[in-house]
Amino acid sequence: MRKDKEKVLDEVWTEDRVRSFLEVRPHDGSSEDFHMLLKAYQSMRAEDFELFVRFFCEQQRDINACGRDGRTVLDIVTSHRNGGEYADLLRTAGAGSVD
């Protein structure tokens, strides 16, 4: 992060703002579902991400969508030191399960 850019902490996320991530689209030809989930994970606190995942699943989106490298968002999150709570939310929503 640039030194002249202040990091915003404890920002309020409304339901509409959380829902707006369902409109995020990739520009590189990758999976829309993967892109939405990844951007939400990168941008939201766990409690906001939980709400996003609920909205995401209500739209019948693919919680196990893969990126261009073949990894799912769960694969990425589990490799992060502080990703445990996010990984649990994804698993609760069905990520990693084989149907």
PDB file of N, CA and C in Angstrom:
ATOM      1  N   MET A   1       0.852  -1.169   0.000  1.00  0.00           N
ATOM      2  CA  MET A   1       0.000   0.000   0.000  1.00  0.00           C
ATOM      3  C   MET A   1       0.901   1.236   0.000  1.00  0.00           C
ATOM      4  N   ARG A   2       0.522   2.228  -0.770  1.00  0.00           N
ATOM      5  CA  ARG A   2       1.297   3.465  -0.813  1.00  0.00           C
ATOM      6  C   ARG A   2       1.247   4.155   0.537  1.00  0.00           C
ATOM      7  N   LYS A   3       2.342   4.806   0.911  1.00  0.00           N
ATOM      8  CA  LYS A   3       2.410   5.477   2.208  1.00  0.00           C
ATOM      9  C   LYS A   3       1.417   6.621   2.322  1.00  0.00           C
ATOM     10  N   ASP A   4       1.075   7.248   1.203  1.00  0.00           N
ATOM     11  CA  ASP A   4       0.149   8.376   1.250  1.00  0.00           C
ATOM     12  C   ASP A   4      -1.314   7.944   1.241  1.00  0.00           C
ATOM     13  N   LYS A   5      -1.548   6.657   1.187  1.00  0.00           N
ATOM     14  CA  LYS A   5      -2.914   6.139   1.183  1.00  0.00           C
ATOM     15  C   LYS A   5      -3.199   5.519   2.540  1.00  0.00           C
ATOM     16  N   GLU A   6      -4.165   6.061   3.233  1.00  0.00           N
ATOM     17  CA  GLU A   6      -4.508   5.580   4.557  1.00  0.00           C
ATOM     18  C   GLU A   6      -5.400   4.351   4.466  1.00  0.00           C
ATOM     19  N   LYS A   7      -5.093   3.352   5.265  1.00  0.00           N
ATOM     20  CA  LYS A   7      -5.899   2.137   5.301  1.00  0.00           C
ATOM     21  C   LYS A   7      -7.159   2.406   6.121  1.00  0.00           C
ATOM     22  N   VAL A   8      -8.301   2.009   5.583  1.00  0.00           N
ATOM     23  CA  VAL A   8      -9.573   2.215   6.270  1.00  0.00           C
ATOM     24  C   VAL A   8      -9.905   0.954   7.056  1.00  0.00           C
ATOM     25  N   LEU A   9     -10.105   1.120   8.352  1.00  0.00           N
ATOM     26  CA  LEU A   9     -10.448  -0.004   9.218  1.00  0.00           C
ATOM     27  C   LEU A   9     -11.867   0.165   9.731  1.00  0.00           C
ATOM     28  N   ASP A  10     -12.531  -0.945  10.000  1.00  0.00           N
ATOM     29  CA  ASP A  10     -13.889  -0.944  10.540  1.00  0.00           C
ATOM     30  C   ASP A  10     -14.869  -0.168   9.666  1.00  0.00           C
ATOM     31  N   GLU A  11     -14.679  -0.265   8.380  1.00  0.00           N
ATOM     32  CA  GLU A  11     -15.575   0.363   7.433  1.00  0.00           C
ATOM     33  C   GLU A  11     -16.927  -0.344   7.490  1.00  0.00           C
ATOM     34  N   VAL A  12     -18.001   0.412   7.378  1.00  0.00           N
ATOM     35  CA  VAL A  12     -19.345  -0.157   7.418  1.00  0.00           C
ATOM     36  C   VAL A  12     -19.703  -0.696   6.035  1.00  0.00           C
ATOM     37  N   TRP A  13     -20.136  -1.948   6.010  1.00  0.00           N
ATOM     38  CA  TRP A  13     -20.571  -2.586   4.769  1.00  0.00           C
ATOM     39  C   TRP A  13     -22.076  -2.812   4.864  1.00  0.00           C
ATOM     40  N   THR A  14     -22.831  -2.148   4.011  1.00  0.00           N
ATOM     41  CA  THR A  14     -24.272  -2.359   3.964  1.00  0.00           C
ATOM     42  C   THR A  14     -24.556  -3.616   3.143  1.00  0.00           C
ATOM     43  N   GLU A  15     -25.780  -4.117   3.252  1.00  0.00           N
ATOM     44  CA  GLU A  15     -26.171  -5.274   2.438  1.00  0.00           C
ATOM     45  C   GLU A  15     -26.021  -4.963   0.955  1.00  0.00           C
ATOM     46  N   ASP A  16     -26.380  -3.754   0.565  1.00  0.00           N
ATOM     47  CA  ASP A  16     -26.267  -3.376  -0.850  1.00  0.00           C
ATOM     48  C   ASP A  16     -24.819  -3.386  -1.312  1.00  0.00           C
ATOM     49  N   ARG A  17     -23.931  -2.931  -0.468  1.00  0.00           N
ATOM     50  CA  ARG A  17     -22.516  -2.940  -0.844  1.00  0.00           C
ATOM     51  C   ARG A  17     -22.012  -4.373  -0.972  1.00  0.00           C
ATOM     52  N   VAL A  18     -22.401  -5.229  -0.038  1.00  0.00           N
ATOM     53  CA  VAL A  18     -22.001  -6.634  -0.113  1.00  0.00           C
ATOM     54  C   VAL A  18     -22.567  -7.255  -1.391  1.00  0.00           C
ATOM     55  N   ARG A  19     -23.832  -6.995  -1.680  1.00  0.00           N
ATOM     56  CA  ARG A  19     -24.470  -7.529  -2.897  1.00  0.00           C
ATOM     57  C   ARG A  19     -23.790  -7.023  -4.171  1.00  0.00           C
ATOM     58  N   SER A  20     -23.224  -5.829  -4.116  1.00  0.00           N
ATOM     59  CA  SER A  20     -22.599  -5.260  -5.316  1.00  0.00           C
ATOM     60  C   SER A  20     -21.458  -6.134  -5.830  1.00  0.00           C
ATOM     61  N   PHE A  21     -20.882  -6.963  -4.975  1.00  0.00           N
ATOM     62  CA  PHE A  21     -19.812  -7.849  -5.414  1.00  0.00           C
ATOM     63  C   PHE A  21     -20.337  -8.974  -6.308  1.00  0.00           C
ATOM     64  N   LEU A  22     -21.653  -9.165  -6.341  1.00  0.00           N
ATOM     65  CA  LEU A  22     -22.241 -10.132  -7.270  1.00  0.00           C
ATOM     66  C   LEU A  22     -22.239  -9.595  -8.700  1.00  0.00           C
ATOM     67  N   GLU A  23     -21.906  -8.332  -8.856  1.00  0.00           N
ATOM     68  CA  GLU A  23     -21.840  -7.701 -10.177  1.00  0.00           C
ATOM     69  C   GLU A  23     -20.412  -7.612 -10.702  1.00  0.00           C
ATOM     70  N   VAL A  24     -19.435  -7.986  -9.892  1.00  0.00           N
ATOM     71  CA  VAL A  24     -18.025  -7.912 -10.293  1.00  0.00           C
ATOM     72  C   VAL A  24     -17.772  -8.942 -11.389  1.00  0.00           C
ATOM     73  N   ARG A  25     -17.155  -8.507 -12.462  1.00  0.00           N
ATOM     74  CA  ARG A  25     -16.879  -9.397 -13.588  1.00  0.00           C
ATOM     75  C   ARG A  25     -15.389  -9.399 -13.906  1.00  0.00           C
ATOM     76  N   PRO A  26     -14.870 -10.544 -14.319  1.00  0.00           N
ATOM     77  CA  PRO A  26     -13.450 -10.618 -14.681  1.00  0.00           C
ATOM     78  C   PRO A  26     -13.203 -10.001 -16.060  1.00  0.00           C
ATOM     79  N   HIS A  27     -11.983  -9.583 -16.272  1.00  0.00           N
ATOM     80  CA  HIS A  27     -11.617  -9.018 -17.571  1.00  0.00           C
ATOM     81  C   HIS A  27     -10.590  -9.890 -18.279  1.00  0.00           C
ATOM     82  N   ASP A  28     -10.354 -11.077 -17.717  1.00  0.00           N
ATOM     83  CA  ASP A  28      -9.316 -11.946 -18.286  1.00  0.00           C
ATOM     84  C   ASP A  28      -9.860 -13.283 -18.776  1.00  0.00           C
ATOM     85  N   GLY A  29     -11.186 -13.394 -18.873  1.00  0.00           N
ATOM     86  CA  GLY A  29     -11.780 -14.631 -19.356  1.00  0.00           C
ATOM     87  C   GLY A  29     -11.905 -15.721 -18.308  1.00  0.00           C
ATOM     88  N   SER A  30     -11.584 -15.409 -17.060  1.00  0.00           N
ATOM     89  CA  SER A  30     -11.705 -16.421 -16.006  1.00  0.00           C
ATOM     90  C   SER A  30     -13.164 -16.549 -15.565  1.00  0.00           C
ATOM     91  N   SER A  31     -13.446 -17.539 -14.757  1.00  0.00           N
ATOM     92  CA  SER A  31     -14.794 -17.821 -14.269  1.00  0.00           C
ATOM     93  C   SER A  31     -15.347 -16.636 -13.470  1.00  0.00           C
ATOM     94  N   GLU A  32     -16.564 -16.215 -13.806  1.00  0.00           N
ATOM     95  CA  GLU A  32     -17.217 -15.135 -13.059  1.00  0.00           C
ATOM     96  C   GLU A  32     -17.372 -15.502 -11.594  1.00  0.00           C
ATOM     97  N   ASP A  33     -17.805 -16.731 -11.320  1.00  0.00           N
ATOM     98  CA  ASP A  33     -18.035 -17.148  -9.938  1.00  0.00           C
ATOM     99  C   ASP A  33     -16.732 -17.127  -9.142  1.00  0.00           C
ATOM    100  N   PHE A  34     -15.669 -17.652  -9.717  1.00  0.00           N
ATOM    101  CA  PHE A  34     -14.370 -17.631  -9.052  1.00  0.00           C
ATOM    102  C   PHE A  34     -13.939 -16.192  -8.783  1.00  0.00           C
ATOM    103  N   HIS A  35     -14.058 -15.343  -9.777  1.00  0.00           N
ATOM    104  CA  HIS A  35     -13.622 -13.952  -9.663  1.00  0.00           C
ATOM    105  C   HIS A  35     -14.391 -13.217  -8.564  1.00  0.00           C
ATOM    106  N   MET A  36     -15.726 -13.398  -8.534  1.00  0.00           N
ATOM    107  CA  MET A  36     -16.553 -12.754  -7.509  1.00  0.00           C
ATOM    108  C   MET A  36     -16.133 -13.179  -6.111  1.00  0.00           C
ATOM    109  N   LEU A  37     -16.006 -14.487  -5.927  1.00  0.00           N
ATOM    110  CA  LEU A  37     -15.625 -15.010  -4.610  1.00  0.00           C
ATOM    111  C   LEU A  37     -14.261 -14.504  -4.175  1.00  0.00           C
ATOM    112  N   LEU A  38     -13.306 -14.528  -5.079  1.00  0.00           N
ATOM    113  CA  LEU A  38     -11.956 -14.094  -4.736  1.00  0.00           C
ATOM    114  C   LEU A  38     -11.936 -12.612  -4.378  1.00  0.00           C
ATOM    115  N   LYS A  39     -12.593 -11.774  -5.162  1.00  0.00           N
ATOM    116  CA  LYS A  39     -12.618 -10.335  -4.876  1.00  0.00           C
ATOM    117  C   LYS A  39     -13.327 -10.053  -3.555  1.00  0.00           C
ATOM    118  N   ALA A  40     -14.398 -10.782  -3.279  1.00  0.00           N
ATOM    119  CA  ALA A  40     -15.095 -10.601  -2.007  1.00  0.00           C
ATOM    120  C   ALA A  40     -14.186 -11.006  -0.847  1.00  0.00           C
ATOM    121  N   TYR A  41     -13.513 -12.136  -0.964  1.00  0.00           N
ATOM    122  CA  TYR A  41     -12.579 -12.588   0.074  1.00  0.00           C
ATOM    123  C   TYR A  41     -11.484 -11.549   0.309  1.00  0.00           C
ATOM    124  N   GLN A  42     -10.938 -11.006  -0.752  1.00  0.00           N
ATOM    125  CA  GLN A  42      -9.847 -10.044  -0.639  1.00  0.00           C
ATOM    126  C   GLN A  42     -10.299  -8.710  -0.057  1.00  0.00           C
ATOM    127  N   SER A  43     -11.582  -8.398  -0.156  1.00  0.00           N
ATOM    128  CA  SER A  43     -12.074  -7.078   0.222  1.00  0.00           C
ATOM    129  C   SER A  43     -12.836  -7.019   1.534  1.00  0.00           C
ATOM    130  N   MET A  44     -13.395  -8.136   1.972  1.00  0.00           N
ATOM    131  CA  MET A  44     -14.342  -8.111   3.087  1.00  0.00           C
ATOM    132  C   MET A  44     -13.791  -8.717   4.362  1.00  0.00           C
ATOM    133  N   ARG A  45     -14.347  -8.229   5.467  1.00  0.00           N
ATOM    134  CA  ARG A  45     -14.123  -8.876   6.758  1.00  0.00           C
ATOM    135  C   ARG A  45     -14.947 -10.162   6.765  1.00  0.00           C
ATOM    136  N   ALA A  46     -14.625 -11.058   7.651  1.00  0.00           N
ATOM    137  CA  ALA A  46     -15.285 -12.369   7.669  1.00  0.00           C
ATOM    138  C   ALA A  46     -16.803 -12.260   7.794  1.00  0.00           C
ATOM    139  N   GLU A  47     -17.302 -11.377   8.651  1.00  0.00           N
ATOM    140  CA  GLU A  47     -18.756 -11.280   8.824  1.00  0.00           C
ATOM    141  C   GLU A  47     -19.435 -10.773   7.553  1.00  0.00           C
ATOM    142  N   ASP A  48     -18.780  -9.891   6.816  1.00  0.00           N
ATOM    143  CA  ASP A  48     -19.343  -9.420   5.547  1.00  0.00           C
ATOM    144  C   ASP A  48     -19.231 -10.504   4.479  1.00  0.00           C
ATOM    145  N   PHE A  49     -18.126 -11.232   4.491  1.00  0.00           N
ATOM    146  CA  PHE A  49     -17.932 -12.330   3.545  1.00  0.00           C
ATOM    147  C   PHE A  49     -18.982 -13.418   3.768  1.00  0.00           C
ATOM    148  N   GLU A  50     -19.337 -13.673   5.010  1.00  0.00           N
ATOM    149  CA  GLU A  50     -20.378 -14.659   5.312  1.00  0.00           C
ATOM    150  C   GLU A  50     -21.697 -14.264   4.648  1.00  0.00           C
ATOM    151  N   LEU A  51     -22.053 -12.994   4.740  1.00  0.00           N
ATOM    152  CA  LEU A  51     -23.271 -12.498   4.104  1.00  0.00           C
ATOM    153  C   LEU A  51     -23.159 -12.619   2.582  1.00  0.00           C
ATOM    154  N   PHE A  52     -22.001 -12.263   2.039  1.00  0.00           N
ATOM    155  CA  PHE A  52     -21.793 -12.378   0.597  1.00  0.00           C
ATOM    156  C   PHE A  52     -21.967 -13.824   0.135  1.00  0.00           C
ATOM    157  N   VAL A  53     -21.376 -14.764   0.854  1.00  0.00           N
ATOM    158  CA  VAL A  53     -21.466 -16.179   0.470  1.00  0.00           C
ATOM    159  C   VAL A  53     -22.924 -16.629   0.471  1.00  0.00           C
ATOM    160  N   ARG A  54     -23.704 -16.141   1.421  1.00  0.00           N
ATOM    161  CA  ARG A  54     -25.133 -16.484   1.445  1.00  0.00           C
ATOM    162  C   ARG A  54     -25.823 -15.968   0.177  1.00  0.00           C
ATOM    163  N   PHE A  55     -25.582 -14.709  -0.170  1.00  0.00           N
ATOM    164  CA  PHE A  55     -26.173 -14.142  -1.391  1.00  0.00           C
ATOM    165  C   PHE A  55     -25.691 -14.903  -2.627  1.00  0.00           C
ATOM    166  N   PHE A  56     -24.420 -15.226  -2.661  1.00  0.00           N
ATOM    167  CA  PHE A  56     -23.791 -15.946  -3.766  1.00  0.00           C
ATOM    168  C   PHE A  56     -24.485 -17.296  -3.970  1.00  0.00           C
ATOM    169  N   CYS A  57     -24.685 -18.019  -2.893  1.00  0.00           N
ATOM    170  CA  CYS A  57     -25.323 -19.344  -2.970  1.00  0.00           C
ATOM    171  C   CYS A  57     -26.805 -19.238  -3.320  1.00  0.00           C
ATOM    172  N   GLU A  58     -27.471 -18.181  -2.851  1.00  0.00           N
ATOM    173  CA  GLU A  58     -28.877 -17.978  -3.199  1.00  0.00           C
ATOM    174  C   GLU A  58     -29.057 -17.829  -4.705  1.00  0.00           C
ATOM    175  N   GLN A  59     -28.030 -17.349  -5.388  1.00  0.00           N
ATOM    176  CA  GLN A  59     -28.083 -17.202  -6.844  1.00  0.00           C
ATOM    177  C   GLN A  59     -27.633 -18.471  -7.568  1.00  0.00           C
ATOM    178  N   GLN A  60     -27.478 -19.559  -6.809  1.00  0.00           N
ATOM    179  CA  GLN A  60     -27.088 -20.851  -7.392  1.00  0.00           C
ATOM    180  C   GLN A  60     -25.736 -20.779  -8.104  1.00  0.00           C
ATOM    181  N   ARG A  61     -24.824 -19.994  -7.571  1.00  0.00           N
ATOM    182  CA  ARG A  61     -23.494 -19.860  -8.163  1.00  0.00           C
ATOM    183  C   ARG A  61     -22.596 -20.994  -7.687  1.00  0.00           C
ATOM    184  N   ASP A  62     -21.485 -21.191  -8.374  1.00  0.00           N
ATOM    185  CA  ASP A  62     -20.585 -22.324  -8.121  1.00  0.00           C
ATOM    186  C   ASP A  62     -19.528 -21.971  -7.083  1.00  0.00           C
ATOM    187  N   ILE A  63     -19.716 -22.459  -5.862  1.00  0.00           N
ATOM    188  CA  ILE A  63     -18.784 -22.200  -4.758  1.00  0.00           C
ATOM    189  C   ILE A  63     -17.439 -22.894  -4.989  1.00  0.00           C
ATOM    190  N   ASN A  64     -17.407 -23.864  -5.897  1.00  0.00           N
ATOM    191  CA  ASN A  64     -16.174 -24.597  -6.213  1.00  0.00           C
ATOM    192  C   ASN A  64     -15.578 -24.193  -7.565  1.00  0.00           C
ATOM    193  N   ALA A  65     -15.963 -23.024  -8.062  1.00  0.00           N
ATOM    194  CA  ALA A  65     -15.426 -22.552  -9.344  1.00  0.00           C
ATOM    195  C   ALA A  65     -13.907 -22.410  -9.247  1.00  0.00           C
ATOM    196  N   CYS A  66     -13.243 -22.698 -10.343  1.00  0.00           N
ATOM    197  CA  CYS A  66     -11.773 -22.644 -10.387  1.00  0.00           C
ATOM    198  C   CYS A  66     -11.289 -21.435 -11.168  1.00  0.00           C
ATOM    199  N   GLY A  67     -10.128 -20.968 -10.760  1.00  0.00           N
ATOM    200  CA  GLY A  67      -9.445 -19.913 -11.496  1.00  0.00           C
ATOM    201  C   GLY A  67      -8.711 -20.507 -12.681  1.00  0.00           C
ATOM    202  N   ARG A  68      -8.015 -19.671 -13.398  1.00  0.00           N
ATOM    203  CA  ARG A  68      -7.302 -20.126 -14.593  1.00  0.00           C
ATOM    204  C   ARG A  68      -6.201 -21.122 -14.261  1.00  0.00           C
ATOM    205  N   ASP A  69      -5.728 -21.103 -13.017  1.00  0.00           N
ATOM    206  CA  ASP A  69      -4.674 -22.038 -12.600  1.00  0.00           C
ATOM    207  C   ASP A  69      -5.228 -23.337 -12.027  1.00  0.00           C
ATOM    208  N   GLY A  70      -6.576 -23.491 -12.041  1.00  0.00           N
ATOM    209  CA  GLY A  70      -7.197 -24.719 -11.561  1.00  0.00           C
ATOM    210  C   GLY A  70      -7.484 -24.748 -10.072  1.00  0.00           C
ATOM    211  N   ARG A  71      -7.142 -23.679  -9.356  1.00  0.00           N
ATOM    212  CA  ARG A  71      -7.406 -23.644  -7.914  1.00  0.00           C
ATOM    213  C   ARG A  71      -8.746 -22.981  -7.633  1.00  0.00           C
ATOM    214  N   THR A  72      -9.397 -23.434  -6.562  1.00  0.00           N
ATOM    215  CA  THR A  72     -10.632 -22.809  -6.098  1.00  0.00           C
ATOM    216  C   THR A  72     -10.275 -21.709  -5.104  1.00  0.00           C
ATOM    217  N   VAL A  73     -11.266 -20.900  -4.754  1.00  0.00           N
ATOM    218  CA  VAL A  73     -11.036 -19.880  -3.728  1.00  0.00           C
ATOM    219  C   VAL A  73     -10.700 -20.563  -2.406  1.00  0.00           C
ATOM    220  N   LEU A  74     -11.330 -21.696  -2.111  1.00  0.00           N
ATOM    221  CA  LEU A  74     -10.993 -22.428  -0.888  1.00  0.00           C
ATOM    222  C   LEU A  74      -9.526 -22.840  -0.897  1.00  0.00           C
ATOM    223  N   ASP A  75      -9.018 -23.312  -2.021  1.00  0.00           N
ATOM    224  CA  ASP A  75      -7.599 -23.672  -2.121  1.00  0.00           C
ATOM    225  C   ASP A  75      -6.712 -22.482  -1.770  1.00  0.00           C
ATOM    226  N   ILE A  76      -7.062 -21.325  -2.279  1.00  0.00           N
ATOM    227  CA  ILE A  76      -6.272 -20.119  -2.036  1.00  0.00           C
ATOM    228  C   ILE A  76      -6.366 -19.696  -0.576  1.00  0.00           C
ATOM    229  N   VAL A  77      -7.585 -19.665  -0.055  1.00  0.00           N
ATOM    230  CA  VAL A  77      -7.812 -19.215   1.318  1.00  0.00           C
ATOM    231  C   VAL A  77      -7.087 -20.107   2.321  1.00  0.00           C
ATOM    232  N   THR A  78      -7.120 -21.412   2.104  1.00  0.00           N
ATOM    233  CA  THR A  78      -6.477 -22.323   3.063  1.00  0.00           C
ATOM    234  C   THR A  78      -4.963 -22.184   3.062  1.00  0.00           C
ATOM    235  N   SER A  79      -4.402 -21.563   2.038  1.00  0.00           N
ATOM    236  CA  SER A  79      -2.955 -21.345   2.015  1.00  0.00           C
ATOM    237  C   SER A  79      -2.556 -20.063   2.746  1.00  0.00           C
ATOM    238  N   HIS A  80      -3.528 -19.287   3.179  1.00  0.00           N
ATOM    239  CA  HIS A  80      -3.249 -18.033   3.880  1.00  0.00           C
ATOM    240  C   HIS A  80      -3.285 -18.238   5.390  1.00  0.00           C
ATOM    241  N   ARG A  81      -2.334 -17.666   6.045  1.00  0.00           N
ATOM    242  CA  ARG A  81      -2.186 -17.829   7.498  1.00  0.00           C
ATOM    243  C   ARG A  81      -3.453 -17.435   8.258  1.00  0.00           C
ATOM    244  N   ASN A  82      -4.108 -16.368   7.848  1.00  0.00           N
ATOM    245  CA  ASN A  82      -5.298 -15.884   8.554  1.00  0.00           C
ATOM    246  C   ASN A  82      -6.598 -16.216   7.824  1.00  0.00           C
ATOM    247  N   GLY A  83      -6.569 -17.233   6.986  1.00  0.00           N
ATOM    248  CA  GLY A  83      -7.745 -17.565   6.188  1.00  0.00           C
ATOM    249  C   GLY A  83      -8.696 -18.566   6.812  1.00  0.00           C
ATOM    250  N   GLY A  84      -8.407 -19.041   8.009  1.00  0.00           N
ATOM    251  CA  GLY A  84      -9.198 -20.113   8.610  1.00  0.00           C
ATOM    252  C   GLY A  84     -10.684 -19.842   8.709  1.00  0.00           C
ATOM    253  N   GLU A  85     -11.054 -18.660   9.188  1.00  0.00           N
ATOM    254  CA  GLU A  85     -12.474 -18.340   9.346  1.00  0.00           C
ATOM    255  C   GLU A  85     -13.171 -18.282   7.982  1.00  0.00           C
ATOM    256  N   TYR A  86     -12.487 -17.736   6.991  1.00  0.00           N
ATOM    257  CA  TYR A  86     -13.042 -17.667   5.636  1.00  0.00           C
ATOM    258  C   TYR A  86     -13.187 -19.072   5.046  1.00  0.00           C
ATOM    259  N   ALA A  87     -12.190 -19.911   5.275  1.00  0.00           N
ATOM    260  CA  ALA A  87     -12.245 -21.289   4.780  1.00  0.00           C
ATOM    261  C   ALA A  87     -13.430 -22.024   5.399  1.00  0.00           C
ATOM    262  N   ASP A  88     -13.650 -21.825   6.694  1.00  0.00           N
ATOM    263  CA  ASP A  88     -14.788 -22.460   7.361  1.00  0.00           C
ATOM    264  C   ASP A  88     -16.111 -22.000   6.749  1.00  0.00           C
ATOM    265  N   LEU A  89     -16.214 -20.711   6.445  1.00  0.00           N
ATOM    266  CA  LEU A  89     -17.437 -20.188   5.823  1.00  0.00           C
ATOM    267  C   LEU A  89     -17.666 -20.814   4.453  1.00  0.00           C
ATOM    268  N   LEU A  90     -16.595 -20.949   3.684  1.00  0.00           N
ATOM    269  CA  LEU A  90     -16.707 -21.571   2.361  1.00  0.00           C
ATOM    270  C   LEU A  90     -17.102 -23.042   2.475  1.00  0.00           C
ATOM    271  N   ARG A  91     -16.491 -23.755   3.405  1.00  0.00           N
ATOM    272  CA  ARG A  91     -16.831 -25.180   3.594  1.00  0.00           C
ATOM    273  C   ARG A  91     -18.282 -25.343   4.021  1.00  0.00           C
ATOM    274  N   THR A  92     -18.743 -24.484   4.926  1.00  0.00           N
ATOM    275  CA  THR A  92     -20.133 -24.541   5.378  1.00  0.00           C
ATOM    276  C   THR A  92     -21.092 -24.356   4.206  1.00  0.00           C
ATOM    277  N   ALA A  93     -20.675 -23.553   3.230  1.00  0.00           N
ATOM    278  CA  ALA A  93     -21.503 -23.303   2.043  1.00  0.00           C
ATOM    279  C   ALA A  93     -21.357 -24.393   0.986  1.00  0.00           C
ATOM    280  N   GLY A  94     -20.507 -25.385   1.249  1.00  0.00           N
ATOM    281  CA  GLY A  94     -20.373 -26.508   0.327  1.00  0.00           C
ATOM    282  C   GLY A  94     -19.083 -26.563  -0.455  1.00  0.00           C
ATOM    283  N   ALA A  95     -18.177 -25.635  -0.220  1.00  0.00           N
ATOM    284  CA  ALA A  95     -16.901 -25.650  -0.949  1.00  0.00           C
ATOM    285  C   ALA A  95     -16.096 -26.884  -0.567  1.00  0.00           C
ATOM    286  N   GLY A  96     -15.488 -27.465  -1.568  1.00  0.00           N
ATOM    287  CA  GLY A  96     -14.652 -28.638  -1.337  1.00  0.00           C
ATOM    288  C   GLY A  96     -15.413 -29.944  -1.355  1.00  0.00           C
ATOM    289  N   SER A  97     -16.749 -29.876  -1.358  1.00  0.00           N
ATOM    290  CA  SER A  97     -17.533 -31.110  -1.359  1.00  0.00           C
ATOM    291  C   SER A  97     -17.709 -31.609  -2.784  1.00  0.00           C
ATOM    292  N   VAL A  98     -17.770 -32.907  -2.919  1.00  0.00           N
ATOM    293  CA  VAL A  98     -17.968 -33.524  -4.226  1.00  0.00           C
ATOM    294  C   VAL A  98     -19.421 -33.953  -4.318  1.00  0.00           C
ATOM    295  N   ASP A  99     -20.090 -33.433  -5.332  1.00  0.00           N
ATOM    296  CA  ASP A  99     -21.520 -33.781  -5.503  1.00  0.00           C
ATOM    297  C   ASP A  99     -21.679 -34.966  -6.412  1.00  0.00           C
TER     298      ASP A  99
END
